[in-house]
Amino acid sequence: MNNFFNILIRPHITEKATVSAEKSVYVFVVNPKSTKNSIEKAFMEKYKISPTKITTVTIPAKQVVVRNKAGKKSGYKKAYVYLKRGTKLETL
């Protein structure tokens, strides 16, 4: 996990994530093998801001049926990055 560019994949943009961004909590889709320490280092390297707390959630894969064909919706891991109150990220 030395390459920090492969840890933070993209911001997770949803209605819940935009409401939490007003409270200085940002949500990112991350590499499933990444740890909280590696997520913190990658975040600090990319945004030059030190997070106060990081929480991770692993979303499991789900079985789906589309037009009578069985399929699989892939799972992923997301990280909630908490910043100091009033701190905003200008660019995601």
C-alpha atoms as a PDB file:
ATOM      1  CA  MET A   1       0.000   0.000   0.000  1.00  0.00           C
ATOM      2  CA  ASN A   2       2.880   2.391  -0.664  1.00  0.00           C
ATOM      3  CA  ASN A   3       1.169   4.085  -3.606  1.00  0.00           C
ATOM      4  CA  PHE A   4      -1.225   6.578  -2.025  1.00  0.00           C
ATOM      5  CA  PHE A   5      -2.909   7.403  -5.337  1.00  0.00           C
ATOM      6  CA  ASN A   6      -4.529   3.946  -5.449  1.00  0.00           C
ATOM      7  CA  ILE A   7      -6.109   4.238  -1.986  1.00  0.00           C
ATOM      8  CA  LEU A   8      -8.613   7.093  -2.442  1.00  0.00           C
ATOM      9  CA  ILE A   9     -10.497   5.990  -5.551  1.00  0.00           C
ATOM     10  CA  ARG A  10     -13.159   8.718  -5.787  1.00  0.00           C
ATOM     11  CA  PRO A  11     -15.521  10.791  -3.638  1.00  0.00           C
ATOM     12  CA  HIS A  12     -18.829   9.065  -2.879  1.00  0.00           C
ATOM     13  CA  ILE A  13     -21.403  11.653  -4.025  1.00  0.00           C
ATOM     14  CA  THR A  14     -24.876  10.951  -2.627  1.00  0.00           C
ATOM     15  CA  GLU A  15     -27.567  13.000  -0.941  1.00  0.00           C
ATOM     16  CA  LYS A  16     -26.477  11.737   2.483  1.00  0.00           C
ATOM     17  CA  ALA A  17     -22.822  12.513   1.711  1.00  0.00           C
ATOM     18  CA  THR A  18     -23.576  16.097   0.673  1.00  0.00           C
ATOM     19  CA  VAL A  19     -25.563  16.718   3.862  1.00  0.00           C
ATOM     20  CA  SER A  20     -22.707  15.302   5.962  1.00  0.00           C
ATOM     21  CA  ALA A  21     -20.195  17.464   4.052  1.00  0.00           C
ATOM     22  CA  GLU A  22     -21.833  20.509   5.633  1.00  0.00           C
ATOM     23  CA  LYS A  23     -20.753  19.038   8.987  1.00  0.00           C
ATOM     24  CA  SER A  24     -17.143  18.558   7.773  1.00  0.00           C
ATOM     25  CA  VAL A  25     -17.541  14.814   7.135  1.00  0.00           C
ATOM     26  CA  TYR A  26     -16.500  13.635   3.676  1.00  0.00           C
ATOM     27  CA  VAL A  27     -17.138  10.197   2.138  1.00  0.00           C
ATOM     28  CA  PHE A  28     -14.729   8.438  -0.253  1.00  0.00           C
ATOM     29  CA  VAL A  29     -14.751   5.090  -2.035  1.00  0.00           C
ATOM     30  CA  VAL A  30     -11.433   3.475  -1.112  1.00  0.00           C
ATOM     31  CA  ASN A  31      -9.407   0.399  -2.023  1.00  0.00           C
ATOM     32  CA  PRO A  32     -10.888  -2.638  -0.175  1.00  0.00           C
ATOM     33  CA  LYS A  33      -7.447  -3.628   1.139  1.00  0.00           C
ATOM     34  CA  SER A  34      -6.621  -0.201   2.577  1.00  0.00           C
ATOM     35  CA  THR A  35      -6.396   0.470   6.314  1.00  0.00           C
ATOM     36  CA  LYS A  36      -7.383   3.539   8.311  1.00  0.00           C
ATOM     37  CA  ASN A  37      -3.732   4.574   8.655  1.00  0.00           C
ATOM     38  CA  SER A  38      -3.096   4.325   4.909  1.00  0.00           C
ATOM     39  CA  ILE A  39      -6.328   6.236   4.181  1.00  0.00           C
ATOM     40  CA  GLU A  40      -5.221   8.992   6.565  1.00  0.00           C
ATOM     41  CA  LYS A  41      -1.777   9.261   4.945  1.00  0.00           C
ATOM     42  CA  ALA A  42      -3.263   9.334   1.442  1.00  0.00           C
ATOM     43  CA  PHE A  43      -5.796  11.995   2.465  1.00  0.00           C
ATOM     44  CA  MET A  44      -3.093  14.155   4.061  1.00  0.00           C
ATOM     45  CA  GLU A  45      -0.876  13.831   0.991  1.00  0.00           C
ATOM     46  CA  LYS A  46      -3.657  14.731  -1.455  1.00  0.00           C
ATOM     47  CA  TYR A  47      -5.517  17.484   0.440  1.00  0.00           C
ATOM     48  CA  LYS A  48      -2.846  18.747   2.907  1.00  0.00           C
ATOM     49  CA  ILE A  49      -5.391  18.586   5.781  1.00  0.00           C
ATOM     50  CA  SER A  50      -5.128  16.357   8.842  1.00  0.00           C
ATOM     51  CA  PRO A  51      -8.364  14.442   9.600  1.00  0.00           C
ATOM     52  CA  THR A  52      -9.570  14.069  13.192  1.00  0.00           C
ATOM     53  CA  LYS A  53     -11.176  10.644  12.704  1.00  0.00           C
ATOM     54  CA  ILE A  54     -11.697   8.047   9.967  1.00  0.00           C
ATOM     55  CA  THR A  55     -14.440   5.420   9.915  1.00  0.00           C
ATOM     56  CA  THR A  56     -14.600   2.653   7.311  1.00  0.00           C
ATOM     57  CA  VAL A  57     -17.589   0.638   6.088  1.00  0.00           C
ATOM     58  CA  THR A  58     -17.442  -2.416   3.827  1.00  0.00           C
ATOM     59  CA  ILE A  59     -20.487  -2.739   1.564  1.00  0.00           C
ATOM     60  CA  PRO A  60     -21.036  -6.423   0.630  1.00  0.00           C
ATOM     61  CA  ALA A  61     -21.749  -7.667  -2.894  1.00  0.00           C
ATOM     62  CA  LYS A  62     -25.437  -8.247  -3.716  1.00  0.00           C
ATOM     63  CA  GLN A  63     -27.234 -10.662  -6.015  1.00  0.00           C
ATOM     64  CA  VAL A  64     -29.518  -8.890  -8.505  1.00  0.00           C
ATOM     65  CA  VAL A  65     -31.915  -9.977 -11.253  1.00  0.00           C
ATOM     66  CA  VAL A  66     -32.274  -7.855 -14.393  1.00  0.00           C
ATOM     67  CA  ARG A  67     -34.555  -9.059 -17.221  1.00  0.00           C
ATOM     68  CA  ASN A  68     -34.658 -12.580 -15.732  1.00  0.00           C
ATOM     69  CA  LYS A  69     -30.866 -12.797 -15.743  1.00  0.00           C
ATOM     70  CA  ALA A  70     -29.044 -13.289 -12.450  1.00  0.00           C
ATOM     71  CA  GLY A  71     -26.106 -11.032 -11.812  1.00  0.00           C
ATOM     72  CA  LYS A  72     -23.937  -9.632  -9.079  1.00  0.00           C
ATOM     73  CA  LYS A  73     -23.589  -6.035  -7.938  1.00  0.00           C
ATOM     74  CA  SER A  74     -20.015  -5.648  -6.762  1.00  0.00           C
ATOM     75  CA  GLY A  75     -19.267  -4.579  -3.213  1.00  0.00           C
ATOM     76  CA  TYR A  76     -16.895  -1.803  -2.178  1.00  0.00           C
ATOM     77  CA  LYS A  77     -15.372  -0.077   0.826  1.00  0.00           C
ATOM     78  CA  LYS A  78     -16.012   3.513   1.785  1.00  0.00           C
ATOM     79  CA  ALA A  79     -14.369   5.790   4.306  1.00  0.00           C
ATOM     80  CA  TYR A  80     -15.907   8.624   6.317  1.00  0.00           C
ATOM     81  CA  VAL A  81     -13.237  11.290   6.864  1.00  0.00           C
ATOM     82  CA  TYR A  82     -13.970  13.671   9.742  1.00  0.00           C
ATOM     83  CA  LEU A  83     -12.340  17.102   9.751  1.00  0.00           C
ATOM     84  CA  LYS A  84     -12.283  19.885  12.345  1.00  0.00           C
ATOM     85  CA  ARG A  85     -15.529  21.863  12.622  1.00  0.00           C
ATOM     86  CA  GLY A  86     -15.742  24.543   9.959  1.00  0.00           C
ATOM     87  CA  THR A  87     -13.042  22.995   7.726  1.00  0.00           C
ATOM     88  CA  LYS A  88     -14.173  22.595   4.132  1.00  0.00           C
ATOM     89  CA  LEU A  89     -12.689  20.847   1.116  1.00  0.00           C
ATOM     90  CA  GLU A  90     -12.909  23.118  -1.902  1.00  0.00           C
ATOM     91  CA  THR A  91     -12.105  20.487  -4.531  1.00  0.00           C
ATOM     92  CA  LEU A  92     -13.103  16.857  -4.376  1.00  0.00           C
END
